[in-house]
PDB file of N, CA and C in Angstrom:
ATOM      1  N   MET A   1     306.244 123.252  75.506  1.00  0.00           N
ATOM      2  CA  MET A   1     306.162 124.240  76.551  1.00  0.00           C
ATOM      3  C   MET A   1     304.732 124.772  76.612  1.00  0.00           C
ATOM      4  N   VAL A   2     304.222 124.906  77.825  1.00  0.00           N
ATOM      5  CA  VAL A   2     302.859 125.379  78.035  1.00  0.00           C
ATOM      6  C   VAL A   2     302.881 126.902  78.142  1.00  0.00           C
ATOM      7  N   SER A   3     302.006 127.554  77.406  1.00  0.00           N
ATOM      8  CA  SER A   3     301.979 129.017  77.413  1.00  0.00           C
ATOM      9  C   SER A   3     301.306 129.542  78.683  1.00  0.00           C
ATOM     10  N   ARG A   4     301.545 130.813  78.953  1.00  0.00           N
ATOM     11  CA  ARG A   4     300.929 131.459  80.118  1.00  0.00           C
ATOM     12  C   ARG A   4     299.415 131.415  80.006  1.00  0.00           C
ATOM     13  N   GLU A   5     298.897 131.643  78.820  1.00  0.00           N
ATOM     14  CA  GLU A   5     297.448 131.644  78.630  1.00  0.00           C
ATOM     15  C   GLU A   5     296.844 130.284  78.985  1.00  0.00           C
ATOM     16  N   ASN A   6     297.496 129.215  78.570  1.00  0.00           N
ATOM     17  CA  ASN A   6     296.980 127.879  78.877  1.00  0.00           C
ATOM     18  C   ASN A   6     297.056 127.585  80.369  1.00  0.00           C
ATOM     19  N   ARG A   7     298.114 128.050  81.041  1.00  0.00           N
ATOM     20  CA  ARG A   7     298.210 127.842  82.491  1.00  0.00           C
ATOM     21  C   ARG A   7     297.096 128.577  83.216  1.00  0.00           C
ATOM     22  N   VAL A   8     296.802 129.800  82.781  1.00  0.00           N
ATOM     23  CA  VAL A   8     295.718 130.566  83.397  1.00  0.00           C
ATOM     24  C   VAL A   8     294.389 129.845  83.190  1.00  0.00           C
ATOM     25  N   ILE A   9     294.137 129.393  81.983  1.00  0.00           N
ATOM     26  CA  ILE A   9     292.877 128.715  81.677  1.00  0.00           C
ATOM     27  C   ILE A   9     292.732 127.438  82.492  1.00  0.00           C
ATOM     28  N   VAL A  10     293.780 126.626  82.541  1.00  0.00           N
ATOM     29  CA  VAL A  10     293.714 125.371  83.295  1.00  0.00           C
ATOM     30  C   VAL A  10     293.484 125.650  84.772  1.00  0.00           C
ATOM     31  N   GLY A  11     294.158 126.652  85.312  1.00  0.00           N
ATOM     32  CA  GLY A  11     293.965 126.995  86.719  1.00  0.00           C
ATOM     33  C   GLY A  11     292.539 127.402  87.032  1.00  0.00           C
ATOM     34  N   PHE A  12     291.956 128.238  86.179  1.00  0.00           N
ATOM     35  CA  PHE A  12     290.587 128.675  86.413  1.00  0.00           C
ATOM     36  C   PHE A  12     289.583 127.548  86.188  1.00  0.00           C
ATOM     37  N   VAL A  13     289.827 126.688  85.236  1.00  0.00           N
ATOM     38  CA  VAL A  13     288.916 125.557  85.015  1.00  0.00           C
ATOM     39  C   VAL A  13     288.942 124.613  86.210  1.00  0.00           C
ATOM     40  N   LEU A  14     290.122 124.341  86.744  1.00  0.00           N
ATOM     41  CA  LEU A  14     290.208 123.495  87.942  1.00  0.00           C
ATOM     42  C   LEU A  14     289.516 124.149  89.126  1.00  0.00           C
ATOM     43  N   ALA A  15     289.715 125.449  89.294  1.00  0.00           N
ATOM     44  CA  ALA A  15     289.037 126.163  90.378  1.00  0.00           C
ATOM     45  C   ALA A  15     287.523 126.127  90.186  1.00  0.00           C
ATOM     46  N   ALA A  16     287.065 126.270  88.959  1.00  0.00           N
ATOM     47  CA  ALA A  16     285.624 126.224  88.681  1.00  0.00           C
ATOM     48  C   ALA A  16     285.051 124.852  89.010  1.00  0.00           C
ATOM     49  N   MET A  17     285.796 123.806  88.694  1.00  0.00           N
ATOM     50  CA  MET A  17     285.314 122.453  88.991  1.00  0.00           C
ATOM     51  C   MET A  17     285.207 122.242  90.498  1.00  0.00           C
ATOM     52  N   VAL A  18     286.209 122.683  91.239  1.00  0.00           N
ATOM     53  CA  VAL A  18     286.181 122.530  92.697  1.00  0.00           C
ATOM     54  C   VAL A  18     285.047 123.353  93.297  1.00  0.00           C
ATOM     55  N   LEU A  19     284.913 124.605  92.863  1.00  0.00           N
ATOM     56  CA  LEU A  19     283.830 125.442  93.367  1.00  0.00           C
ATOM     57  C   LEU A  19     282.457 124.896  92.993  1.00  0.00           C
ATOM     58  N   GLY A  20     282.320 124.417  91.770  1.00  0.00           N
ATOM     59  CA  GLY A  20     281.042 123.849  91.351  1.00  0.00           C
ATOM     60  C   GLY A  20     280.663 122.634  92.182  1.00  0.00           C
ATOM     61  N   PHE A  21     281.639 121.769  92.427  1.00  0.00           N
ATOM     62  CA  PHE A  21     281.376 120.604  93.261  1.00  0.00           C
ATOM     63  C   PHE A  21     281.031 121.029  94.683  1.00  0.00           C
ATOM     64  N   GLY A  22     281.775 122.000  95.204  1.00  0.00           N
ATOM     65  CA  GLY A  22     281.507 122.472  96.565  1.00  0.00           C
ATOM     66  C   GLY A  22     280.136 123.085  96.707  1.00  0.00           C
ATOM     67  N   VAL A  23     279.742 123.885  95.737  1.00  0.00           N
ATOM     68  CA  VAL A  23     278.424 124.514  95.789  1.00  0.00           C
ATOM     69  C   VAL A  23     277.335 123.462  95.679  1.00  0.00           C
ATOM     70  N   THR A  24     277.530 122.490  94.809  1.00  0.00           N
ATOM     71  CA  THR A  24     276.515 121.454  94.618  1.00  0.00           C
ATOM     72  C   THR A  24     276.366 120.572  95.844  1.00  0.00           C
ATOM     73  N   GLU A  25     277.482 120.172  96.431  1.00  0.00           N
ATOM     74  CA  GLU A  25     277.440 119.206  97.524  1.00  0.00           C
ATOM     75  C   GLU A  25     277.276 119.839  98.905  1.00  0.00           C
ATOM     76  N   LEU A  26     277.775 121.032  99.102  1.00  0.00           N
ATOM     77  CA  LEU A  26     277.835 121.580 100.447  1.00  0.00           C
ATOM     78  C   LEU A  26     276.826 122.683 100.740  1.00  0.00           C
ATOM     79  N   THR A  27     276.127 123.153  99.736  1.00  0.00           N
ATOM     80  CA  THR A  27     275.144 124.214  99.964  1.00  0.00           C
ATOM     81  C   THR A  27     273.785 123.802  99.417  1.00  0.00           C
ATOM     82  N   ALA A  28     272.805 124.591  99.750  1.00  0.00           N
ATOM     83  CA  ALA A  28     271.438 124.326  99.284  1.00  0.00           C
ATOM     84  C   ALA A  28     271.063 125.252  98.132  1.00  0.00           C
ATOM     85  N   LEU A  29     272.050 125.788  97.434  1.00  0.00           N
ATOM     86  CA  LEU A  29     271.767 126.670  96.311  1.00  0.00           C
ATOM     87  C   LEU A  29     271.213 125.861  95.137  1.00  0.00           C
ATOM     88  N   PRO A  30     270.416 126.493  94.305  1.00  0.00           N
ATOM     89  CA  PRO A  30     269.872 125.775  93.135  1.00  0.00           C
ATOM     90  C   PRO A  30     270.967 125.453  92.123  1.00  0.00           C
ATOM     91  N   SER A  31     270.665 124.560  91.219  1.00  0.00           N
ATOM     92  CA  SER A  31     271.647 124.135  90.227  1.00  0.00           C
ATOM     93  C   SER A  31     272.053 125.265  89.291  1.00  0.00           C
ATOM     94  N   GLU A  32     271.181 126.258  89.124  1.00  0.00           N
ATOM     95  CA  GLU A  32     271.525 127.407  88.288  1.00  0.00           C
ATOM     96  C   GLU A  32     272.696 128.186  88.878  1.00  0.00           C
ATOM     97  N   ALA A  33     272.790 128.238  90.190  1.00  0.00           N
ATOM     98  CA  ALA A  33     273.904 128.932  90.837  1.00  0.00           C
ATOM     99  C   ALA A  33     275.208 128.203  90.558  1.00  0.00           C
ATOM    100  N   SER A  34     275.169 126.897  90.618  1.00  0.00           N
ATOM    101  CA  SER A  34     276.364 126.106  90.311  1.00  0.00           C
ATOM    102  C   SER A  34     276.784 126.302  88.863  1.00  0.00           C
ATOM    103  N   LEU A  35     275.840 126.309  87.960  1.00  0.00           N
ATOM    104  CA  LEU A  35     276.138 126.547  86.548  1.00  0.00           C
ATOM    105  C   LEU A  35     276.698 127.943  86.339  1.00  0.00           C
ATOM    106  N   GLY A  36     276.134 128.924  87.013  1.00  0.00           N
ATOM    107  CA  GLY A  36     276.634 130.290  86.913  1.00  0.00           C
ATOM    108  C   GLY A  36     278.064 130.411  87.405  1.00  0.00           C
ATOM    109  N   ILE A  37     278.385 129.740  88.494  1.00  0.00           N
ATOM    110  CA  ILE A  37     279.753 129.750  89.018  1.00  0.00           C
ATOM    111  C   ILE A  37     280.699 129.099  88.019  1.00  0.00           C
ATOM    112  N   LEU A  38     280.289 127.979  87.453  1.00  0.00           N
ATOM    113  CA  LEU A  38     281.128 127.314  86.457  1.00  0.00           C
ATOM    114  C   LEU A  38     281.401 128.215  85.256  1.00  0.00           C
ATOM    115  N   LEU A  39     280.382 128.909  84.785  1.00  0.00           N
ATOM    116  CA  LEU A  39     280.554 129.776  83.621  1.00  0.00           C
ATOM    117  C   LEU A  39     281.417 130.994  83.934  1.00  0.00           C
ATOM    118  N   VAL A  40     281.167 131.623  85.078  1.00  0.00           N
ATOM    119  CA  VAL A  40     281.921 132.829  85.414  1.00  0.00           C
ATOM    120  C   VAL A  40     283.376 132.498  85.713  1.00  0.00           C
ATOM    121  N   VAL A  41     283.607 131.504  86.564  1.00  0.00           N
ATOM    122  CA  VAL A  41     284.980 131.182  86.969  1.00  0.00           C
ATOM    123  C   VAL A  41     285.715 130.416  85.877  1.00  0.00           C
ATOM    124  N   GLY A  42     285.032 129.556  85.147  1.00  0.00           N
ATOM    125  CA  GLY A  42     285.705 128.724  84.160  1.00  0.00           C
ATOM    126  C   GLY A  42     285.826 129.322  82.776  1.00  0.00           C
ATOM    127  N   VAL A  43     285.004 130.331  82.460  1.00  0.00           N
ATOM    128  CA  VAL A  43     285.029 130.901  81.108  1.00  0.00           C
ATOM    129  C   VAL A  43     285.350 132.395  81.134  1.00  0.00           C
ATOM    130  N   VAL A  44     284.578 133.156  81.877  1.00  0.00           N
ATOM    131  CA  VAL A  44     284.711 134.611  81.836  1.00  0.00           C
ATOM    132  C   VAL A  44     285.996 135.079  82.522  1.00  0.00           C
ATOM    133  N   ALA A  45     286.270 134.566  83.707  1.00  0.00           N
ATOM    134  CA  ALA A  45     287.450 135.022  84.460  1.00  0.00           C
ATOM    135  C   ALA A  45     288.761 134.783  83.720  1.00  0.00           C
ATOM    136  N   PRO A  46     288.996 133.602  83.118  1.00  0.00           N
ATOM    137  CA  PRO A  46     290.258 133.440  82.403  1.00  0.00           C
ATOM    138  C   PRO A  46     290.406 134.385  81.209  1.00  0.00           C
ATOM    139  N   ILE A  47     289.305 134.687  80.548  1.00  0.00           N
ATOM    140  CA  ILE A  47     289.364 135.629  79.428  1.00  0.00           C
ATOM    141  C   ILE A  47     289.773 137.006  79.929  1.00  0.00           C
ATOM    142  N   LEU A  48     289.150 137.447  81.025  1.00  0.00           N
ATOM    143  CA  LEU A  48     289.478 138.755  81.577  1.00  0.00           C
ATOM    144  C   LEU A  48     290.922 138.821  82.062  1.00  0.00           C
ATOM    145  N   VAL A  49     291.369 137.781  82.750  1.00  0.00           N
ATOM    146  CA  VAL A  49     292.741 137.762  83.270  1.00  0.00           C
ATOM    147  C   VAL A  49     293.744 137.745  82.120  1.00  0.00           C
ATOM    148  N   ASN A  50     293.518 136.923  81.120  1.00  0.00           N
ATOM    149  CA  ASN A  50     294.439 136.879  79.979  1.00  0.00           C
ATOM    150  C   ASN A  50     294.463 138.207  79.233  1.00  0.00           C
ATOM    151  N   ASN A  51     293.314 138.842  79.057  1.00  0.00           N
ATOM    152  CA  ASN A  51     293.294 140.154  78.401  1.00  0.00           C
ATOM    153  C   ASN A  51     294.048 141.185  79.222  1.00  0.00           C
ATOM    154  N   TYR A  52     293.885 141.150  80.540  1.00  0.00           N
ATOM    155  CA  TYR A  52     294.606 142.089  81.405  1.00  0.00           C
ATOM    156  C   TYR A  52     296.112 141.837  81.323  1.00  0.00           C
ATOM    157  N   LEU A  53     296.523 140.595  81.396  1.00  0.00           N
ATOM    158  CA  LEU A  53     297.954 140.283  81.336  1.00  0.00           C
ATOM    159  C   LEU A  53     298.551 140.626  79.973  1.00  0.00           C
ATOM    160  N   ASP A  54     297.790 140.444  78.911  1.00  0.00           N
ATOM    161  CA  ASP A  54     298.256 140.838  77.579  1.00  0.00           C
ATOM    162  C   ASP A  54     298.459 142.348  77.505  1.00  0.00           C
ATOM    163  N   ALA A  55     297.498 143.104  78.044  1.00  0.00           N
ATOM    164  CA  ALA A  55     297.584 144.559  78.002  1.00  0.00           C
ATOM    165  C   ALA A  55     298.719 145.067  78.889  1.00  0.00           C
ATOM    166  N   ALA A  56     298.898 144.447  80.047  1.00  0.00           N
ATOM    167  CA  ALA A  56     299.957 144.882  80.958  1.00  0.00           C
ATOM    168  C   ALA A  56     301.343 144.558  80.395  1.00  0.00           C
ATOM    169  N   GLY A  57     301.446 143.490  79.631  1.00  0.00           N
ATOM    170  CA  GLY A  57     302.735 143.092  79.086  1.00  0.00           C
ATOM    171  C   GLY A  57     303.128 143.861  77.849  1.00  0.00           C
ATOM    172  N   SER A  58     302.198 144.574  77.230  1.00  0.00           N
ATOM    173  CA  SER A  58     302.511 145.274  75.988  1.00  0.00           C
ATOM    174  C   SER A  58     303.015 146.687  76.203  1.00  0.00           C
ATOM    175  N   ASP A  59     303.127 147.126  77.463  1.00  0.00           N
ATOM    176  CA  ASP A  59     303.611 148.488  77.729  1.00  0.00           C
ATOM    177  C   ASP A  59     305.057 148.661  77.421  1.00  0.00           C
TER     178      ASP A  59
END
């Protein structure tokens, strides 16, 4: 069985990959912007969401 945390992480990683590809291929932004999007959406956002869901579930 897949845990909620793993589903959140996989969802955000897939979204980060799609956004990173879209930014790279469809815009004229520098590669640093694409890397920043990958890091924020693929690493930081899932941590924040999982921490929020953990805190909300412990009430």
